[in-house]
């Protein structure tokens, strides 16, 4: 297993991973999430060009990815997905740790993300990774704007939260 920067020739694989990982939402009665299209190649290219798109390879195959962007001085994890055939191998956690190291190296005091509160592999998982829920009235302006974008996209049909994890103590 190896973490490396994503490359242009990885981007369609990232979309395939996102679609495959999204299928688990169907089993929770969230078919709209399962059917939501992954980021476009153009959107993924922006993360790649910013240097905030990483992949985890297993036997030279891209098995997971994480994309992030700076928001309010922190590194915001926009998406972390693991192909279901590689689930349970701690690939997502390793990518999160890599992002934390990158954030710390760049003087960013925290990782942030937004996620579904009640989906077992979302907020409860991230809490086990050291994140804590940010009360809505304490969201930074950028995170509040991100949450509003998600609401506008219809994701607030299910409870969502913002989360934070310090990278610098």
N, C-alpha and C. Protein backbone atom coordinates (compact mmCIF):
# COMPACT_ATOMS: atom_id res chain seq x y z
N UNK A 1 0.84 -1.18 0.00
CA UNK A 1 0.00 0.00 0.00
C UNK A 1 0.88 1.24 0.00
N UNK A 2 0.43 2.21 -0.77
CA UNK A 2 1.21 3.44 -0.89
C UNK A 2 0.26 4.61 -1.09
N UNK A 3 0.56 5.74 -0.44
CA UNK A 3 -0.17 6.99 -0.68
C UNK A 3 0.70 7.83 -1.59
N UNK A 4 0.06 8.40 -2.59
CA UNK A 4 0.76 9.30 -3.50
C UNK A 4 -0.21 10.36 -3.99
N UNK A 5 0.36 11.41 -4.59
CA UNK A 5 -0.48 12.42 -5.23
C UNK A 5 -1.28 11.77 -6.35
N UNK A 6 -2.50 12.19 -6.49
CA UNK A 6 -3.29 11.72 -7.63
C UNK A 6 -2.68 12.26 -8.92
N UNK A 7 -2.91 11.52 -9.99
CA UNK A 7 -2.45 11.94 -11.33
C UNK A 7 -3.67 12.06 -12.23
N UNK A 8 -3.50 12.75 -13.33
CA UNK A 8 -4.61 12.93 -14.27
C UNK A 8 -5.21 11.60 -14.72
N UNK A 9 -4.36 10.62 -14.93
CA UNK A 9 -4.88 9.33 -15.40
C UNK A 9 -5.60 8.55 -14.30
N UNK A 10 -5.63 9.06 -13.08
CA UNK A 10 -6.37 8.44 -11.97
C UNK A 10 -7.81 8.93 -11.90
N UNK A 11 -8.12 10.05 -12.49
CA UNK A 11 -9.36 10.74 -12.18
C UNK A 11 -10.62 9.94 -12.50
N UNK A 12 -10.65 9.24 -13.60
CA UNK A 12 -11.85 8.42 -13.88
C UNK A 12 -11.93 7.26 -12.88
N UNK A 13 -10.79 6.76 -12.41
CA UNK A 13 -10.82 5.73 -11.36
C UNK A 13 -11.42 6.28 -10.07
N UNK A 14 -11.13 7.54 -9.75
CA UNK A 14 -11.70 8.14 -8.55
C UNK A 14 -13.22 8.21 -8.66
N UNK A 15 -13.71 8.53 -9.85
CA UNK A 15 -15.16 8.55 -10.05
C UNK A 15 -15.75 7.15 -9.87
N UNK A 16 -15.07 6.14 -10.40
CA UNK A 16 -15.55 4.76 -10.24
C UNK A 16 -15.57 4.34 -8.77
N UNK A 17 -14.53 4.73 -8.02
CA UNK A 17 -14.49 4.43 -6.59
C UNK A 17 -15.66 5.10 -5.89
N UNK A 18 -15.92 6.35 -6.22
CA UNK A 18 -17.02 7.09 -5.59
C UNK A 18 -18.36 6.42 -5.86
N UNK A 19 -18.59 6.02 -7.09
CA UNK A 19 -19.85 5.34 -7.42
C UNK A 19 -19.98 4.03 -6.65
N UNK A 20 -18.92 3.24 -6.62
CA UNK A 20 -18.96 1.95 -5.92
C UNK A 20 -19.17 2.14 -4.43
N UNK A 21 -18.45 3.08 -3.83
CA UNK A 21 -18.59 3.34 -2.39
C UNK A 21 -19.97 3.88 -2.06
N UNK A 22 -20.53 4.65 -2.97
CA UNK A 22 -21.85 5.24 -2.73
C UNK A 22 -22.98 4.23 -2.67
N UNK A 23 -22.77 3.06 -3.23
CA UNK A 23 -23.82 2.04 -3.23
C UNK A 23 -24.25 1.65 -1.82
N UNK A 24 -23.37 1.75 -0.85
CA UNK A 24 -23.72 1.39 0.53
C UNK A 24 -24.86 2.25 1.06
N UNK A 25 -25.00 3.48 0.55
CA UNK A 25 -26.07 4.35 1.01
C UNK A 25 -27.45 3.82 0.60
N UNK A 26 -27.50 3.09 -0.51
CA UNK A 26 -28.77 2.53 -0.97
C UNK A 26 -29.36 1.61 0.10
N UNK A 27 -28.50 0.83 0.75
CA UNK A 27 -28.95 -0.10 1.78
C UNK A 27 -29.50 0.61 3.02
N UNK A 28 -29.16 1.88 3.19
CA UNK A 28 -29.66 2.66 4.34
C UNK A 28 -30.91 3.46 3.99
N UNK A 29 -31.46 3.24 2.79
CA UNK A 29 -32.62 4.00 2.37
C UNK A 29 -32.27 5.40 1.91
N UNK A 30 -31.05 5.57 1.41
CA UNK A 30 -30.59 6.86 0.91
C UNK A 30 -30.20 6.72 -0.57
N UNK A 31 -31.16 6.29 -1.43
CA UNK A 31 -30.80 6.05 -2.83
C UNK A 31 -30.36 7.31 -3.56
N UNK A 32 -30.85 8.47 -3.13
CA UNK A 32 -30.44 9.72 -3.78
C UNK A 32 -28.94 9.96 -3.60
N UNK A 33 -28.42 9.58 -2.46
CA UNK A 33 -26.98 9.73 -2.21
C UNK A 33 -26.22 8.72 -3.07
N UNK A 34 -26.73 7.49 -3.12
CA UNK A 34 -26.09 6.46 -3.93
C UNK A 34 -26.07 6.86 -5.40
N UNK A 35 -27.13 7.52 -5.85
CA UNK A 35 -27.24 7.88 -7.27
C UNK A 35 -26.57 9.21 -7.61
N UNK A 36 -26.12 9.95 -6.60
CA UNK A 36 -25.49 11.24 -6.84
C UNK A 36 -24.21 11.04 -7.64
N UNK A 37 -24.05 11.82 -8.66
CA UNK A 37 -22.86 11.69 -9.50
C UNK A 37 -21.61 12.15 -8.74
N UNK A 38 -20.50 11.47 -8.97
CA UNK A 38 -19.23 11.90 -8.34
C UNK A 38 -18.76 13.21 -8.93
N UNK A 39 -17.75 13.81 -8.33
CA UNK A 39 -17.20 15.03 -8.91
C UNK A 39 -16.78 14.79 -10.36
N UNK A 40 -16.93 15.82 -11.18
CA UNK A 40 -16.52 15.71 -12.58
C UNK A 40 -15.00 15.66 -12.67
N UNK A 41 -14.51 15.24 -13.81
CA UNK A 41 -13.06 15.25 -14.04
C UNK A 41 -12.52 16.66 -13.87
N UNK A 42 -13.27 17.66 -14.33
CA UNK A 42 -12.82 19.05 -14.19
C UNK A 42 -12.72 19.44 -12.71
N UNK A 43 -13.72 19.05 -11.91
CA UNK A 43 -13.68 19.35 -10.48
C UNK A 43 -12.51 18.64 -9.80
N UNK A 44 -12.31 17.38 -10.15
CA UNK A 44 -11.19 16.62 -9.57
C UNK A 44 -9.86 17.21 -9.99
N UNK A 45 -9.79 17.72 -11.22
CA UNK A 45 -8.55 18.33 -11.72
C UNK A 45 -8.17 19.54 -10.87
N UNK A 46 -9.14 20.29 -10.39
CA UNK A 46 -8.84 21.46 -9.55
C UNK A 46 -8.13 21.02 -8.27
N UNK A 47 -8.57 19.91 -7.66
CA UNK A 47 -7.90 19.39 -6.46
C UNK A 47 -6.50 18.89 -6.81
N UNK A 48 -6.41 18.22 -7.93
CA UNK A 48 -5.11 17.71 -8.38
C UNK A 48 -4.13 18.88 -8.59
N UNK A 49 -4.59 19.91 -9.29
CA UNK A 49 -3.73 21.07 -9.56
C UNK A 49 -3.34 21.81 -8.28
N UNK A 50 -4.22 21.77 -7.27
CA UNK A 50 -3.92 22.42 -5.98
C UNK A 50 -3.01 21.57 -5.11
N UNK A 51 -2.76 20.32 -5.53
CA UNK A 51 -1.91 19.43 -4.74
C UNK A 51 -2.63 18.83 -3.55
N UNK A 52 -3.97 18.80 -3.59
CA UNK A 52 -4.75 18.28 -2.46
C UNK A 52 -5.64 17.10 -2.88
N UNK A 53 -5.09 16.26 -3.73
CA UNK A 53 -5.77 15.02 -4.13
C UNK A 53 -4.76 13.89 -3.98
N UNK A 54 -5.10 12.95 -3.09
CA UNK A 54 -4.20 11.82 -2.83
C UNK A 54 -4.91 10.50 -3.05
N UNK A 55 -4.16 9.52 -3.47
CA UNK A 55 -4.72 8.18 -3.65
C UNK A 55 -3.92 7.18 -2.84
N UNK A 56 -4.61 6.11 -2.49
CA UNK A 56 -3.97 4.96 -1.84
C UNK A 56 -3.99 3.84 -2.87
N UNK A 57 -2.81 3.31 -3.15
CA UNK A 57 -2.74 2.20 -4.09
C UNK A 57 -2.49 0.91 -3.33
N UNK A 58 -3.09 -0.16 -3.84
CA UNK A 58 -2.88 -1.51 -3.34
C UNK A 58 -2.51 -2.34 -4.56
N UNK A 59 -1.30 -2.91 -4.54
CA UNK A 59 -0.81 -3.67 -5.70
C UNK A 59 -0.91 -2.85 -6.98
N UNK A 60 -0.49 -1.60 -6.91
CA UNK A 60 -0.48 -0.66 -8.03
C UNK A 60 -1.86 -0.29 -8.56
N UNK A 61 -2.91 -0.63 -7.83
CA UNK A 61 -4.28 -0.27 -8.20
C UNK A 61 -4.77 0.79 -7.24
N UNK A 62 -5.40 1.84 -7.77
CA UNK A 62 -5.98 2.87 -6.90
C UNK A 62 -7.19 2.28 -6.20
N UNK A 63 -7.12 2.24 -4.86
CA UNK A 63 -8.16 1.61 -4.06
C UNK A 63 -8.96 2.62 -3.24
N UNK A 64 -8.42 3.83 -3.04
CA UNK A 64 -9.08 4.84 -2.23
C UNK A 64 -8.51 6.21 -2.59
N UNK A 65 -9.27 7.24 -2.24
CA UNK A 65 -8.77 8.60 -2.49
C UNK A 65 -9.31 9.57 -1.47
N UNK A 66 -8.63 10.71 -1.39
CA UNK A 66 -9.06 11.82 -0.54
C UNK A 66 -8.78 13.10 -1.31
N UNK A 67 -9.78 13.98 -1.33
CA UNK A 67 -9.59 15.32 -1.90
C UNK A 67 -9.91 16.34 -0.82
N UNK A 68 -9.19 17.45 -0.83
CA UNK A 68 -9.34 18.45 0.22
C UNK A 68 -9.10 19.84 -0.36
N UNK A 69 -9.49 20.83 0.43
CA UNK A 69 -9.27 22.22 0.04
C UNK A 69 -9.15 23.07 1.30
N UNK A 70 -8.40 24.16 1.23
CA UNK A 70 -8.33 25.05 2.38
C UNK A 70 -9.66 25.79 2.56
N UNK A 71 -10.16 25.79 3.78
CA UNK A 71 -11.34 26.59 4.13
C UNK A 71 -11.07 27.21 5.50
N UNK A 72 -11.14 28.52 5.54
CA UNK A 72 -10.97 29.26 6.80
C UNK A 72 -9.68 28.90 7.52
N UNK A 73 -8.61 28.70 6.77
CA UNK A 73 -7.31 28.43 7.37
C UNK A 73 -7.06 26.99 7.77
N UNK A 74 -8.04 26.13 7.57
CA UNK A 74 -7.90 24.70 7.86
C UNK A 74 -7.94 23.91 6.56
N UNK A 75 -7.57 22.64 6.63
CA UNK A 75 -7.68 21.77 5.46
C UNK A 75 -8.99 21.02 5.57
N UNK A 76 -9.89 21.30 4.64
CA UNK A 76 -11.22 20.70 4.63
C UNK A 76 -11.23 19.46 3.74
N UNK A 77 -11.57 18.33 4.32
CA UNK A 77 -11.69 17.09 3.55
C UNK A 77 -13.02 17.13 2.83
N UNK A 78 -12.95 17.25 1.53
CA UNK A 78 -14.16 17.30 0.72
C UNK A 78 -14.73 15.90 0.52
N UNK A 79 -13.85 14.94 0.32
CA UNK A 79 -14.30 13.57 0.11
C UNK A 79 -13.18 12.60 0.43
N UNK A 80 -13.53 11.52 1.08
CA UNK A 80 -12.62 10.39 1.24
C UNK A 80 -13.45 9.15 0.94
N UNK A 81 -13.00 8.36 0.00
CA UNK A 81 -13.76 7.17 -0.41
C UNK A 81 -12.83 6.00 -0.62
N UNK A 82 -13.32 4.83 -0.24
CA UNK A 82 -12.59 3.58 -0.39
C UNK A 82 -13.45 2.64 -1.22
N UNK A 83 -12.85 2.01 -2.22
CA UNK A 83 -13.60 1.04 -3.00
C UNK A 83 -14.03 -0.10 -2.07
N UNK A 84 -15.28 -0.56 -2.18
CA UNK A 84 -15.78 -1.59 -1.26
C UNK A 84 -14.93 -2.87 -1.22
N UNK A 85 -14.25 -3.18 -2.30
CA UNK A 85 -13.41 -4.39 -2.28
C UNK A 85 -12.19 -4.23 -1.37
N UNK A 86 -11.93 -3.00 -0.95
CA UNK A 86 -10.79 -2.73 -0.06
C UNK A 86 -11.23 -2.19 1.30
N UNK A 87 -12.52 -2.25 1.58
CA UNK A 87 -13.04 -1.75 2.85
C UNK A 87 -12.48 -2.56 4.02
N UNK A 88 -12.34 -1.91 5.15
CA UNK A 88 -11.88 -2.58 6.36
C UNK A 88 -10.38 -2.73 6.48
N UNK A 89 -9.63 -2.11 5.58
CA UNK A 89 -8.17 -2.22 5.60
C UNK A 89 -7.51 -0.94 6.12
N UNK A 90 -8.32 -0.02 6.66
CA UNK A 90 -7.84 1.24 7.23
C UNK A 90 -7.25 2.19 6.18
N UNK A 91 -7.65 2.03 4.93
CA UNK A 91 -7.14 2.91 3.87
C UNK A 91 -7.64 4.34 4.08
N UNK A 92 -8.92 4.48 4.40
CA UNK A 92 -9.45 5.82 4.64
C UNK A 92 -8.75 6.51 5.79
N UNK A 93 -8.53 5.78 6.87
CA UNK A 93 -7.85 6.36 8.03
C UNK A 93 -6.43 6.78 7.67
N UNK A 94 -5.74 5.97 6.89
CA UNK A 94 -4.38 6.33 6.49
C UNK A 94 -4.38 7.59 5.63
N UNK A 95 -5.37 7.73 4.77
CA UNK A 95 -5.47 8.94 3.96
C UNK A 95 -5.77 10.16 4.84
N UNK A 96 -6.62 9.99 5.83
CA UNK A 96 -6.91 11.09 6.76
C UNK A 96 -5.65 11.48 7.52
N UNK A 97 -4.88 10.51 7.97
CA UNK A 97 -3.63 10.82 8.67
C UNK A 97 -2.65 11.54 7.75
N UNK A 98 -2.63 11.14 6.48
CA UNK A 98 -1.77 11.81 5.51
C UNK A 98 -2.21 13.27 5.35
N UNK A 99 -3.53 13.48 5.24
CA UNK A 99 -4.03 14.85 5.11
C UNK A 99 -3.69 15.67 6.35
N UNK A 100 -3.77 15.05 7.53
CA UNK A 100 -3.41 15.76 8.77
C UNK A 100 -1.95 16.18 8.75
N UNK A 101 -1.09 15.30 8.28
CA UNK A 101 0.34 15.63 8.18
C UNK A 101 0.54 16.77 7.20
N UNK A 102 -0.12 16.71 6.06
CA UNK A 102 -0.01 17.79 5.06
C UNK A 102 -0.49 19.11 5.64
N UNK A 103 -1.62 19.07 6.36
CA UNK A 103 -2.15 20.30 6.97
C UNK A 103 -1.16 20.87 7.98
N UNK A 104 -0.67 20.01 8.85
CA UNK A 104 0.29 20.44 9.88
C UNK A 104 1.53 21.03 9.23
N UNK A 105 2.05 20.38 8.20
CA UNK A 105 3.24 20.86 7.49
C UNK A 105 3.01 22.25 6.91
N UNK A 106 1.77 22.52 6.52
CA UNK A 106 1.43 23.81 5.92
C UNK A 106 0.84 24.80 6.92
N UNK A 107 1.02 24.51 8.23
CA UNK A 107 0.60 25.45 9.26
C UNK A 107 -0.90 25.55 9.48
N UNK A 108 -1.64 24.56 9.00
CA UNK A 108 -3.09 24.58 9.20
C UNK A 108 -3.41 23.87 10.51
N UNK A 109 -4.12 24.55 11.40
CA UNK A 109 -4.33 23.99 12.74
C UNK A 109 -5.32 22.84 12.82
N UNK A 110 -6.12 22.61 11.76
CA UNK A 110 -7.13 21.57 11.88
C UNK A 110 -7.54 21.01 10.52
N UNK A 111 -8.11 19.82 10.60
CA UNK A 111 -8.86 19.23 9.48
C UNK A 111 -10.33 19.49 9.78
N UNK A 112 -11.10 19.75 8.74
CA UNK A 112 -12.54 19.84 8.90
C UNK A 112 -13.20 18.97 7.84
N UNK A 113 -14.47 18.69 8.05
CA UNK A 113 -15.26 17.97 7.06
C UNK A 113 -16.72 18.15 7.41
N UNK A 114 -17.58 17.82 6.48
CA UNK A 114 -19.01 17.75 6.73
C UNK A 114 -19.45 16.34 6.36
N UNK A 115 -20.44 15.83 7.07
CA UNK A 115 -20.80 14.43 6.88
C UNK A 115 -22.19 14.15 7.44
N UNK A 116 -22.67 12.96 7.16
CA UNK A 116 -23.96 12.53 7.70
C UNK A 116 -23.79 12.13 9.16
N UNK A 117 -24.62 12.67 10.01
CA UNK A 117 -24.50 12.42 11.45
C UNK A 117 -24.75 10.97 11.84
N UNK A 118 -25.75 10.34 11.20
CA UNK A 118 -26.20 9.03 11.67
C UNK A 118 -25.76 7.85 10.82
N UNK A 119 -24.95 8.07 9.81
CA UNK A 119 -24.46 6.97 8.98
C UNK A 119 -23.22 6.40 9.67
N UNK A 120 -23.23 5.09 9.95
CA UNK A 120 -22.14 4.50 10.76
C UNK A 120 -20.73 4.78 10.24
N UNK A 121 -20.55 4.82 8.94
CA UNK A 121 -19.21 5.04 8.40
C UNK A 121 -18.97 6.53 8.12
N UNK A 122 -19.81 7.38 8.65
CA UNK A 122 -19.63 8.83 8.54
C UNK A 122 -19.30 9.39 9.92
N UNK A 123 -20.16 10.22 10.51
CA UNK A 123 -19.80 10.90 11.77
C UNK A 123 -19.28 9.95 12.86
N UNK A 124 -19.92 8.81 13.12
CA UNK A 124 -19.38 7.93 14.16
C UNK A 124 -17.96 7.45 13.84
N UNK A 125 -17.70 7.18 12.58
CA UNK A 125 -16.34 6.76 12.16
C UNK A 125 -15.35 7.90 12.38
N UNK A 126 -15.73 9.10 11.94
CA UNK A 126 -14.81 10.23 12.07
C UNK A 126 -14.54 10.57 13.54
N UNK A 127 -15.52 10.36 14.40
CA UNK A 127 -15.27 10.56 15.83
C UNK A 127 -14.19 9.59 16.32
N UNK A 128 -14.21 8.36 15.82
CA UNK A 128 -13.16 7.40 16.19
C UNK A 128 -11.80 7.82 15.63
N UNK A 129 -11.81 8.65 14.60
CA UNK A 129 -10.57 9.17 14.01
C UNK A 129 -10.13 10.48 14.67
N UNK A 130 -10.80 10.89 15.73
CA UNK A 130 -10.38 12.08 16.48
C UNK A 130 -11.13 13.36 16.16
N UNK A 131 -12.12 13.32 15.29
CA UNK A 131 -12.91 14.51 14.96
C UNK A 131 -13.99 14.70 16.03
N UNK A 132 -14.43 15.94 16.19
CA UNK A 132 -15.58 16.21 17.05
C UNK A 132 -16.57 17.07 16.27
N UNK A 133 -17.83 16.94 16.63
CA UNK A 133 -18.88 17.69 15.95
C UNK A 133 -18.82 19.15 16.37
N UNK A 134 -18.95 20.02 15.40
CA UNK A 134 -18.98 21.46 15.64
C UNK A 134 -20.45 21.88 15.69
N UNK A 135 -20.90 22.48 16.78
CA UNK A 135 -22.28 22.97 16.80
C UNK A 135 -22.51 23.93 15.63
N UNK A 136 -23.71 23.88 15.05
CA UNK A 136 -24.00 24.71 13.88
C UNK A 136 -23.71 26.19 14.11
N UNK A 137 -23.97 26.67 15.33
CA UNK A 137 -23.75 28.10 15.60
C UNK A 137 -22.28 28.44 15.78
N UNK A 138 -21.40 27.43 15.72
CA UNK A 138 -19.96 27.67 15.83
C UNK A 138 -19.21 27.37 14.54
N UNK A 139 -19.94 27.08 13.45
CA UNK A 139 -19.29 26.84 12.17
C UNK A 139 -18.61 28.12 11.69
N UNK A 140 -17.42 27.98 11.14
CA UNK A 140 -16.75 29.13 10.55
C UNK A 140 -17.53 29.55 9.30
N UNK A 141 -17.30 30.76 8.81
CA UNK A 141 -18.06 31.22 7.64
C UNK A 141 -17.94 30.28 6.43
N UNK A 142 -16.75 29.79 6.17
CA UNK A 142 -16.57 28.89 5.04
C UNK A 142 -17.28 27.56 5.21
N UNK A 143 -17.25 27.03 6.43
CA UNK A 143 -17.97 25.77 6.69
C UNK A 143 -19.48 25.99 6.64
N UNK A 144 -19.94 27.12 7.13
CA UNK A 144 -21.37 27.42 7.04
C UNK A 144 -21.80 27.52 5.58
N UNK A 145 -20.96 28.12 4.75
CA UNK A 145 -21.26 28.20 3.32
C UNK A 145 -21.26 26.82 2.68
N UNK A 146 -20.34 25.97 3.09
CA UNK A 146 -20.28 24.60 2.58
C UNK A 146 -21.56 23.85 2.97
N UNK A 147 -21.99 23.99 4.21
CA UNK A 147 -23.22 23.34 4.67
C UNK A 147 -24.43 23.85 3.89
N UNK A 148 -24.43 25.14 3.56
CA UNK A 148 -25.54 25.69 2.79
C UNK A 148 -25.55 25.11 1.37
N UNK A 149 -24.38 24.96 0.77
CA UNK A 149 -24.29 24.32 -0.56
C UNK A 149 -24.86 22.91 -0.51
N UNK A 150 -24.53 22.19 0.55
CA UNK A 150 -25.04 20.82 0.70
C UNK A 150 -26.56 20.82 0.87
N UNK A 151 -27.08 21.76 1.65
CA UNK A 151 -28.52 21.86 1.83
C UNK A 151 -29.20 22.18 0.50
N UNK A 152 -28.59 23.10 -0.26
CA UNK A 152 -29.14 23.45 -1.57
C UNK A 152 -29.13 22.26 -2.52
N UNK A 153 -28.20 21.34 -2.31
CA UNK A 153 -28.08 20.13 -3.14
C UNK A 153 -29.05 19.03 -2.66
N UNK A 154 -29.74 19.27 -1.55
CA UNK A 154 -30.71 18.31 -1.05
C UNK A 154 -30.20 17.32 -0.03
N UNK A 155 -28.95 17.51 0.42
CA UNK A 155 -28.38 16.55 1.36
C UNK A 155 -28.93 16.67 2.77
N UNK A 156 -29.62 17.76 3.08
CA UNK A 156 -30.16 17.93 4.42
C UNK A 156 -31.44 17.13 4.66
N UNK A 157 -31.81 16.28 3.72
CA UNK A 157 -32.92 15.35 3.99
C UNK A 157 -32.53 14.43 5.13
N UNK A 158 -31.23 14.27 5.34
CA UNK A 158 -30.70 13.44 6.43
C UNK A 158 -29.79 14.34 7.26
N UNK A 159 -29.78 14.17 8.57
CA UNK A 159 -28.99 15.09 9.42
C UNK A 159 -27.50 15.09 9.05
N UNK A 160 -26.97 16.30 8.91
CA UNK A 160 -25.56 16.49 8.59
C UNK A 160 -24.90 17.35 9.65
N UNK A 161 -23.60 17.19 9.78
CA UNK A 161 -22.83 17.96 10.75
C UNK A 161 -21.49 18.38 10.16
N UNK A 162 -20.95 19.44 10.72
CA UNK A 162 -19.57 19.82 10.48
C UNK A 162 -18.72 19.20 11.59
N UNK A 163 -17.49 18.82 11.24
CA UNK A 163 -16.59 18.20 12.22
C UNK A 163 -15.21 18.81 12.09
N UNK A 164 -14.45 18.73 13.19
CA UNK A 164 -13.09 19.31 13.23
C UNK A 164 -12.17 18.39 14.02
N UNK A 165 -10.93 18.37 13.59
CA UNK A 165 -9.88 17.63 14.31
C UNK A 165 -8.61 18.48 14.26
N UNK A 166 -8.05 18.75 15.41
CA UNK A 166 -6.81 19.54 15.48
C UNK A 166 -5.66 18.78 14.85
N UNK A 167 -4.79 19.51 14.16
CA UNK A 167 -3.57 18.92 13.60
C UNK A 167 -2.36 19.45 14.34
N UNK A 168 -2.52 20.58 15.01
CA UNK A 168 -1.41 21.21 15.75
C UNK A 168 -1.90 21.37 17.19
N UNK A 169 -1.14 20.84 18.14
CA UNK A 169 -1.58 21.00 19.53
C UNK A 169 -0.92 22.18 20.19
